Structure formats: structure tokens, C-alpha cells
PDB file of N, CA and C in Angstrom:
ATOM      1  N   MET A   1     -20.087  12.604  -6.159  1.00  0.00           N
ATOM      2  CA  MET A   1     -19.309  13.770  -6.551  1.00  0.00           C
ATOM      3  C   MET A   1     -17.840  13.357  -6.714  1.00  0.00           C
ATOM      4  N   PRO A   2     -17.221  13.691  -7.826  1.00  0.00           N
ATOM      5  CA  PRO A   2     -15.822  13.319  -8.076  1.00  0.00           C
ATOM      6  C   PRO A   2     -14.852  14.089  -7.180  1.00  0.00           C
ATOM      7  N   SER A   3     -13.658  13.548  -7.051  1.00  0.00           N
ATOM      8  CA  SER A   3     -12.605  14.178  -6.262  1.00  0.00           C
ATOM      9  C   SER A   3     -11.303  14.105  -7.054  1.00  0.00           C
ATOM     10  N   ARG A   4     -10.594  15.217  -7.109  1.00  0.00           N
ATOM     11  CA  ARG A   4      -9.353  15.290  -7.884  1.00  0.00           C
ATOM     12  C   ARG A   4      -8.152  15.074  -6.966  1.00  0.00           C
ATOM     13  N   LEU A   5      -7.250  14.189  -7.406  1.00  0.00           N
ATOM     14  CA  LEU A   5      -6.050  13.871  -6.642  1.00  0.00           C
ATOM     15  C   LEU A   5      -4.801  14.276  -7.413  1.00  0.00           C
ATOM     16  N   PHE A   6      -3.831  14.799  -6.696  1.00  0.00           N
ATOM     17  CA  PHE A   6      -2.515  15.109  -7.252  1.00  0.00           C
ATOM     18  C   PHE A   6      -1.664  13.850  -7.152  1.00  0.00           C
ATOM     19  N   VAL A   7      -0.914  13.546  -8.213  1.00  0.00           N
ATOM     20  CA  VAL A   7       0.002  12.410  -8.209  1.00  0.00           C
ATOM     21  C   VAL A   7       1.375  12.937  -8.616  1.00  0.00           C
ATOM     22  N   GLY A   8       2.332  12.844  -7.705  1.00  0.00           N
ATOM     23  CA  GLY A   8       3.661  13.386  -7.954  1.00  0.00           C
ATOM     24  C   GLY A   8       4.742  12.324  -7.977  1.00  0.00           C
ATOM     25  N   SER A   9       5.945  12.749  -8.316  1.00  0.00           N
ATOM     26  CA  SER A   9       7.139  11.897  -8.411  1.00  0.00           C
ATOM     27  C   SER A   9       7.001  10.840  -9.502  1.00  0.00           C
ATOM     28  N   LEU A  10       6.324  11.193 -10.583  1.00  0.00           N
ATOM     29  CA  LEU A  10       6.150  10.249 -11.684  1.00  0.00           C
ATOM     30  C   LEU A  10       7.442  10.105 -12.482  1.00  0.00           C
ATOM     31  N   SER A  11       7.632   8.947 -13.055  1.00  0.00           N
ATOM     32  CA  SER A  11       8.756   8.668 -13.935  1.00  0.00           C
ATOM     33  C   SER A  11       8.559   9.401 -15.262  1.00  0.00           C
ATOM     34  N   ASP A  12       9.653   9.664 -15.952  1.00  0.00           N
ATOM     35  CA  ASP A  12       9.558  10.244 -17.294  1.00  0.00           C
ATOM     36  C   ASP A  12       8.798   9.319 -18.244  1.00  0.00           C
ATOM     37  N   GLN A  13       8.798   8.022 -17.965  1.00  0.00           N
ATOM     38  CA  GLN A  13       8.141   7.043 -18.827  1.00  0.00           C
ATOM     39  C   GLN A  13       6.645   6.886 -18.543  1.00  0.00           C
ATOM     40  N   THR A  14       6.159   7.428 -17.439  1.00  0.00           N
ATOM     41  CA  THR A  14       4.742   7.281 -17.097  1.00  0.00           C
ATOM     42  C   THR A  14       3.888   8.113 -18.043  1.00  0.00           C
ATOM     43  N   THR A  15       2.881   7.479 -18.620  1.00  0.00           N
ATOM     44  CA  THR A  15       1.943   8.154 -19.515  1.00  0.00           C
ATOM     45  C   THR A  15       0.585   8.253 -18.826  1.00  0.00           C
ATOM     46  N   SER A  16      -0.309   9.006 -19.424  1.00  0.00           N
ATOM     47  CA  SER A  16      -1.671   9.080 -18.887  1.00  0.00           C
ATOM     48  C   SER A  16      -2.310   7.697 -18.863  1.00  0.00           C
ATOM     49  N   ALA A  17      -2.016   6.882 -19.865  1.00  0.00           N
ATOM     50  CA  ALA A  17      -2.589   5.530 -19.935  1.00  0.00           C
ATOM     51  C   ALA A  17      -2.062   4.641 -18.813  1.00  0.00           C
ATOM     52  N   THR A  18      -0.751   4.685 -18.544  1.00  0.00           N
ATOM     53  CA  THR A  18      -0.216   3.832 -17.478  1.00  0.00           C
ATOM     54  C   THR A  18      -0.644   4.335 -16.104  1.00  0.00           C
ATOM     55  N   LEU A  19      -0.802   5.644 -15.965  1.00  0.00           N
ATOM     56  CA  LEU A  19      -1.312   6.208 -14.715  1.00  0.00           C
ATOM     57  C   LEU A  19      -2.736   5.715 -14.475  1.00  0.00           C
ATOM     58  N   ARG A  20      -3.561   5.766 -15.509  1.00  0.00           N
ATOM     59  CA  ARG A  20      -4.944   5.282 -15.409  1.00  0.00           C
ATOM     60  C   ARG A  20      -4.971   3.806 -15.023  1.00  0.00           C
ATOM     61  N   GLU A  21      -4.160   2.998 -15.682  1.00  0.00           N
ATOM     62  CA  GLU A  21      -4.122   1.557 -15.393  1.00  0.00           C
ATOM     63  C   GLU A  21      -3.756   1.291 -13.937  1.00  0.00           C
ATOM     64  N   HIS A  22      -2.782   2.036 -13.421  1.00  0.00           N
ATOM     65  CA  HIS A  22      -2.331   1.847 -12.039  1.00  0.00           C
ATOM     66  C   HIS A  22      -3.477   2.096 -11.056  1.00  0.00           C
ATOM     67  N   PHE A  23      -4.254   3.138 -11.297  1.00  0.00           N
ATOM     68  CA  PHE A  23      -5.342   3.485 -10.382  1.00  0.00           C
ATOM     69  C   PHE A  23      -6.569   2.607 -10.597  1.00  0.00           C
ATOM     70  N   GLU A  24      -6.817   2.205 -11.833  1.00  0.00           N
ATOM     71  CA  GLU A  24      -8.013   1.406 -12.126  1.00  0.00           C
ATOM     72  C   GLU A  24      -7.892  -0.047 -11.687  1.00  0.00           C
ATOM     73  N   GLU A  25      -6.715  -0.475 -11.245  1.00  0.00           N
ATOM     74  CA  GLU A  25      -6.582  -1.843 -10.749  1.00  0.00           C
ATOM     75  C   GLU A  25      -7.530  -2.088  -9.584  1.00  0.00           C
ATOM     76  N   ASP A  26      -7.740  -1.058  -8.763  1.00  0.00           N
ATOM     77  CA  ASP A  26      -8.566  -1.215  -7.562  1.00  0.00           C
ATOM     78  C   ASP A  26      -9.684  -0.192  -7.415  1.00  0.00           C
ATOM     79  N   PHE A  27      -9.690   0.855  -8.233  1.00  0.00           N
ATOM     80  CA  PHE A  27     -10.642   1.942  -8.028  1.00  0.00           C
ATOM     81  C   PHE A  27     -11.266   2.394  -9.345  1.00  0.00           C
ATOM     82  N   SER A  28     -12.437   2.998  -9.225  1.00  0.00           N
ATOM     83  CA  SER A  28     -13.125   3.556 -10.388  1.00  0.00           C
ATOM     84  C   SER A  28     -12.714   5.020 -10.526  1.00  0.00           C
ATOM     85  N   ILE A  29     -12.173   5.376 -11.691  1.00  0.00           N
ATOM     86  CA  ILE A  29     -11.757   6.756 -11.909  1.00  0.00           C
ATOM     87  C   ILE A  29     -12.386   7.305 -13.184  1.00  0.00           C
ATOM     88  N   ASP A  30     -12.500   8.632 -13.219  1.00  0.00           N
ATOM     89  CA  ASP A  30     -13.051   9.312 -14.395  1.00  0.00           C
ATOM     90  C   ASP A  30     -11.959   9.724 -15.371  1.00  0.00           C
ATOM     91  N   GLU A  31     -10.812  10.133 -14.827  1.00  0.00           N
ATOM     92  CA  GLU A  31      -9.769  10.693 -15.684  1.00  0.00           C
ATOM     93  C   GLU A  31      -8.405  10.523 -15.025  1.00  0.00           C
ATOM     94  N   ALA A  32      -7.390  10.351 -15.838  1.00  0.00           N
ATOM     95  CA  ALA A  32      -5.997  10.352 -15.383  1.00  0.00           C
ATOM     96  C   ALA A  32      -5.186  11.079 -16.442  1.00  0.00           C
ATOM     97  N   VAL A  33      -4.417  12.059 -16.016  1.00  0.00           N
ATOM     98  CA  VAL A  33      -3.634  12.834 -16.973  1.00  0.00           C
ATOM     99  C   VAL A  33      -2.257  13.153 -16.389  1.00  0.00           C
ATOM    100  N   VAL A  34      -1.221  12.938 -17.204  1.00  0.00           N
ATOM    101  CA  VAL A  34       0.141  13.337 -16.857  1.00  0.00           C
ATOM    102  C   VAL A  34       0.365  14.705 -17.496  1.00  0.00           C
ATOM    103  N   ILE A  35       0.853  15.648 -16.715  1.00  0.00           N
ATOM    104  CA  ILE A  35       1.078  17.004 -17.208  1.00  0.00           C
ATOM    105  C   ILE A  35       2.415  17.059 -17.949  1.00  0.00           C
ATOM    106  N   THR A  36       2.384  17.668 -19.130  1.00  0.00           N
ATOM    107  CA  THR A  36       3.592  17.776 -19.949  1.00  0.00           C
ATOM    108  C   THR A  36       3.951  19.241 -20.189  1.00  0.00           C
ATOM    109  N   ASP A  37       5.211  19.474 -20.476  1.00  0.00           N
ATOM    110  CA  ASP A  37       5.703  20.799 -20.816  1.00  0.00           C
ATOM    111  C   ASP A  37       5.179  21.164 -22.202  1.00  0.00           C
ATOM    112  N   ARG A  38       4.608  22.324 -22.330  1.00  0.00           N
ATOM    113  CA  ARG A  38       4.030  22.732 -23.623  1.00  0.00           C
ATOM    114  C   ARG A  38       5.081  22.869 -24.717  1.00  0.00           C
ATOM    115  N   GLY A  39       6.259  23.302 -24.351  1.00  0.00           N
ATOM    116  CA  GLY A  39       7.312  23.518 -25.339  1.00  0.00           C
ATOM    117  C   GLY A  39       7.989  22.248 -25.809  1.00  0.00           C
ATOM    118  N   THR A  40       8.282  21.360 -24.874  1.00  0.00           N
ATOM    119  CA  THR A  40       9.049  20.159 -25.213  1.00  0.00           C
ATOM    120  C   THR A  40       8.200  18.902 -25.327  1.00  0.00           C
ATOM    121  N   GLY A  41       7.021  18.914 -24.722  1.00  0.00           N
ATOM    122  CA  GLY A  41       6.180  17.718 -24.703  1.00  0.00           C
ATOM    123  C   GLY A  41       6.633  16.687 -23.680  1.00  0.00           C
ATOM    124  N   MET A  42       7.693  17.001 -22.929  1.00  0.00           N
ATOM    125  CA  MET A  42       8.219  16.092 -21.904  1.00  0.00           C
ATOM    126  C   MET A  42       7.353  16.150 -20.646  1.00  0.00           C
ATOM    127  N   SER A  43       7.317  15.023 -19.940  1.00  0.00           N
ATOM    128  CA  SER A  43       6.565  14.949 -18.693  1.00  0.00           C
ATOM    129  C   SER A  43       7.121  15.933 -17.677  1.00  0.00           C
ATOM    130  N   ARG A  44       6.217  16.544 -16.913  1.00  0.00           N
ATOM    131  CA  ARG A  44       6.631  17.396 -15.795  1.00  0.00           C
ATOM    132  C   ARG A  44       6.659  16.580 -14.506  1.00  0.00           C
ATOM    133  N   ASN A  45       6.490  15.266 -14.647  1.00  0.00           N
ATOM    134  CA  ASN A  45       6.612  14.296 -13.553  1.00  0.00           C
ATOM    135  C   ASN A  45       5.534  14.425 -12.478  1.00  0.00           C
ATOM    136  N   PHE A  46       4.384  14.951 -12.875  1.00  0.00           N
ATOM    137  CA  PHE A  46       3.229  14.924 -11.995  1.00  0.00           C
ATOM    138  C   PHE A  46       1.977  14.871 -12.852  1.00  0.00           C
ATOM    139  N   GLY A  47       0.876  14.563 -12.208  1.00  0.00           N
ATOM    140  CA  GLY A  47      -0.384  14.494 -12.927  1.00  0.00           C
ATOM    141  C   GLY A  47      -1.549  14.552 -11.965  1.00  0.00           C
ATOM    142  N   PHE A  48      -2.743  14.305 -12.505  1.00  0.00           N
ATOM    143  CA  PHE A  48      -3.960  14.344 -11.709  1.00  0.00           C
ATOM    144  C   PHE A  48      -4.838  13.160 -12.071  1.00  0.00           C
ATOM    145  N   VAL A  49      -5.500  12.632 -11.058  1.00  0.00           N
ATOM    146  CA  VAL A  49      -6.465  11.551 -11.244  1.00  0.00           C
ATOM    147  C   VAL A  49      -7.770  12.011 -10.620  1.00  0.00           C
ATOM    148  N   THR A  50      -8.862  11.854 -11.348  1.00  0.00           N
ATOM    149  CA  THR A  50     -10.177  12.181 -10.811  1.00  0.00           C
ATOM    150  C   THR A  50     -10.875  10.893 -10.428  1.00  0.00           C
ATOM    151  N   VAL A  51     -11.126  10.748  -9.124  1.00  0.00           N
ATOM    152  CA  VAL A  51     -11.796   9.572  -8.581  1.00  0.00           C
ATOM    153  C   VAL A  51     -13.299   9.776  -8.737  1.00  0.00           C
ATOM    154  N   THR A  52     -13.986   8.751  -9.209  1.00  0.00           N
ATOM    155  CA  THR A  52     -15.415   8.845  -9.493  1.00  0.00           C
ATOM    156  C   THR A  52     -16.229   9.259  -8.277  1.00  0.00           C
ATOM    157  N   ASP A  53     -15.925   8.693  -7.126  1.00  0.00           N
ATOM    158  CA  ASP A  53     -16.708   8.955  -5.920  1.00  0.00           C
ATOM    159  C   ASP A  53     -15.816   9.566  -4.849  1.00  0.00           C
ATOM    160  N   ARG A  54     -16.171  10.762  -4.407  1.00  0.00           N
ATOM    161  CA  ARG A  54     -15.367  11.490  -3.423  1.00  0.00           C
ATOM    162  C   ARG A  54     -15.080  10.661  -2.169  1.00  0.00           C
ATOM    163  N   LYS A  55     -16.042   9.832  -1.754  1.00  0.00           N
ATOM    164  CA  LYS A  55     -15.831   9.047  -0.529  1.00  0.00           C
ATOM    165  C   LYS A  55     -14.722   8.002  -0.703  1.00  0.00           C
ATOM    166  N   ASP A  56     -14.356   7.685  -1.945  1.00  0.00           N
ATOM    167  CA  ASP A  56     -13.264   6.742  -2.203  1.00  0.00           C
ATOM    168  C   ASP A  56     -11.887   7.407  -2.190  1.00  0.00           C
ATOM    169  N   ALA A  57     -11.835   8.730  -2.186  1.00  0.00           N
ATOM    170  CA  ALA A  57     -10.558   9.443  -2.299  1.00  0.00           C
ATOM    171  C   ALA A  57      -9.578   9.045  -1.199  1.00  0.00           C
ATOM    172  N   ASN A  58     -10.027   8.986   0.042  1.00  0.00           N
ATOM    173  CA  ASN A  58      -9.117   8.619   1.135  1.00  0.00           C
ATOM    174  C   ASN A  58      -8.626   7.191   0.995  1.00  0.00           C
ATOM    175  N   ALA A  59      -9.480   6.293   0.533  1.00  0.00           N
ATOM    176  CA  ALA A  59      -9.064   4.901   0.319  1.00  0.00           C
ATOM    177  C   ALA A  59      -8.006   4.826  -0.780  1.00  0.00           C
ATOM    178  N   VAL A  60      -8.170   5.629  -1.818  1.00  0.00           N
ATOM    179  CA  VAL A  60      -7.183   5.670  -2.906  1.00  0.00           C
ATOM    180  C   VAL A  60      -5.841   6.160  -2.364  1.00  0.00           C
ATOM    181  N   ILE A  61      -5.879   7.237  -1.594  1.00  0.00           N
ATOM    182  CA  ILE A  61      -4.646   7.785  -1.019  1.00  0.00           C
ATOM    183  C   ILE A  61      -3.987   6.752  -0.107  1.00  0.00           C
ATOM    184  N   ASP A  62      -4.771   6.152   0.784  1.00  0.00           N
ATOM    185  CA  ASP A  62      -4.220   5.145   1.703  1.00  0.00           C
ATOM    186  C   ASP A  62      -3.596   3.972   0.959  1.00  0.00           C
ATOM    187  N   SER A  63      -4.210   3.577  -0.139  1.00  0.00           N
ATOM    188  CA  SER A  63      -3.748   2.408  -0.887  1.00  0.00           C
ATOM    189  C   SER A  63      -2.566   2.704  -1.812  1.00  0.00           C
ATOM    190  N   LEU A  64      -2.578   3.866  -2.470  1.00  0.00           N
ATOM    191  CA  LEU A  64      -1.607   4.106  -3.539  1.00  0.00           C
ATOM    192  C   LEU A  64      -0.509   5.120  -3.228  1.00  0.00           C
ATOM    193  N   HIS A  65      -0.652   5.900  -2.149  1.00  0.00           N
ATOM    194  CA  HIS A  65       0.432   6.809  -1.756  1.00  0.00           C
ATOM    195  C   HIS A  65       1.661   5.966  -1.421  1.00  0.00           C
ATOM    196  N   ARG A  66       2.780   6.327  -1.999  1.00  0.00           N
ATOM    197  CA  ARG A  66       4.061   5.626  -1.833  1.00  0.00           C
ATOM    198  C   ARG A  66       4.082   4.258  -2.514  1.00  0.00           C
ATOM    199  N   SER A  67       3.145   4.018  -3.429  1.00  0.00           N
ATOM    200  CA  SER A  67       3.197   2.785  -4.221  1.00  0.00           C
ATOM    201  C   SER A  67       4.187   2.992  -5.367  1.00  0.00           C
ATOM    202  N   GLU A  68       4.578   1.898  -6.019  1.00  0.00           N
ATOM    203  CA  GLU A  68       5.548   1.986  -7.104  1.00  0.00           C
ATOM    204  C   GLU A  68       4.843   1.984  -8.454  1.00  0.00           C
ATOM    205  N   LEU A  69       5.257   2.900  -9.309  1.00  0.00           N
ATOM    206  CA  LEU A  69       4.750   2.983 -10.679  1.00  0.00           C
ATOM    207  C   LEU A  69       5.931   3.303 -11.585  1.00  0.00           C
ATOM    208  N   ASP A  70       6.185   2.448 -12.541  1.00  0.00           N
ATOM    209  CA  ASP A  70       7.291   2.638 -13.491  1.00  0.00           C
ATOM    210  C   ASP A  70       8.623   2.889 -12.777  1.00  0.00           C
ATOM    211  N   GLY A  71       8.854   2.140 -11.697  1.00  0.00           N
ATOM    212  CA  GLY A  71      10.123   2.215 -10.993  1.00  0.00           C
ATOM    213  C   GLY A  71      10.274   3.372 -10.026  1.00  0.00           C
ATOM    214  N   ARG A  72       9.229   4.149  -9.823  1.00  0.00           N
ATOM    215  CA  ARG A  72       9.288   5.296  -8.908  1.00  0.00           C
ATOM    216  C   ARG A  72       8.235   5.158  -7.822  1.00  0.00           C
ATOM    217  N   GLU A  73       8.559   5.634  -6.624  1.00  0.00           N
ATOM    218  CA  GLU A  73       7.594   5.688  -5.529  1.00  0.00           C
ATOM    219  C   GLU A  73       6.799   6.980  -5.694  1.00  0.00           C
ATOM    220  N   ILE A  74       5.490   6.853  -5.913  1.00  0.00           N
ATOM    221  CA  ILE A  74       4.673   8.024  -6.212  1.00  0.00           C
ATOM    222  C   ILE A  74       4.056   8.626  -4.946  1.00  0.00           C
ATOM    223  N   VAL A  75       3.701   9.889  -5.060  1.00  0.00           N
ATOM    224  CA  VAL A  75       3.022  10.639  -4.011  1.00  0.00           C
ATOM    225  C   VAL A  75       1.583  10.837  -4.471  1.00  0.00           C
ATOM    226  N   VAL A  76       0.622  10.541  -3.595  1.00  0.00           N
ATOM    227  CA  VAL A  76      -0.790  10.747  -3.929  1.00  0.00           C
ATOM    228  C   VAL A  76      -1.429  11.534  -2.793  1.00  0.00           C
ATOM    229  N   ARG A  77      -2.051  12.660  -3.133  1.00  0.00           N
ATOM    230  CA  ARG A  77      -2.739  13.479  -2.125  1.00  0.00           C
ATOM    231  C   ARG A  77      -3.877  14.238  -2.797  1.00  0.00           C
ATOM    232  N   VAL A  78      -4.747  14.799  -1.987  1.00  0.00           N
ATOM    233  CA  VAL A  78      -5.853  15.593  -2.519  1.00  0.00           C
ATOM    234  C   VAL A  78      -5.267  16.814  -3.217  1.00  0.00           C
ATOM    235  N   ALA A  79      -5.747  17.089  -4.417  1.00  0.00           N
ATOM    236  CA  ALA A  79      -5.268  18.247  -5.173  1.00  0.00           C
ATOM    237  C   ALA A  79      -5.808  19.525  -4.547  1.00  0.00           C
ATOM    238  N   THR A  80      -4.987  20.558  -4.559  1.00  0.00           N
ATOM    239  CA  THR A  80      -5.422  21.859  -4.057  1.00  0.00           C
ATOM    240  C   THR A  80      -5.677  22.781  -5.239  1.00  0.00           C
ATOM    241  N   GLU A  81      -6.619  23.675  -5.068  1.00  0.00           N
ATOM    242  CA  GLU A  81      -6.929  24.649  -6.117  1.00  0.00           C
ATOM    243  C   GLU A  81      -5.832  25.700  -6.171  1.00  0.00           C
ATOM    244  N   ARG A  82      -5.519  26.145  -7.382  1.00  0.00           N
ATOM    245  CA  ARG A  82      -4.506  27.200  -7.544  1.00  0.00           C
ATOM    246  C   ARG A  82      -5.140  28.553  -7.524  1.00  0.00           C
TER     247      ARG A  82
END
């Protein structure tokens, strides 16, 4: 069962592709998306990554929370439903 993770503090330069690459270095993921402003198309500096296997979610958080991506220290945690 997949697990969705919130990724915050992203750089303006981080794209969905670079986010995916960062996570796929060590883990299997289904999706990585950087959220953009609908009006401007600019990054909102956060995104979501869907980890293929829910049991890997904690390992992903332990490994990548506070890691560096595009010059920024990112935040990784379990996504909450709105």
C-alpha cells in the first residue's frame, strides 16, 4: 500500500523531476510532484512524494528529512489529509 509524504522548504528551482531523482536515489516511489501557483506557475515551495510501500515511509523520512536538495534543507513528513 502506498504512502504519501509531504516535502517542504523546497527551492524555487526544484522541479518534480529533481524531487523524484532525490528520492529515487535510495527508495522506490510512485510519484513526485512540486505544487505550483495556478496563476503564476511559480513553485509554492512544497510538494508530495508517494512511496511505493507504506512500510518504507519511516525509512524515507529518517533518511531524507533535513537532507539538502537544490541548496535547501528540506522537510519530509507523513502528509495529512485536508
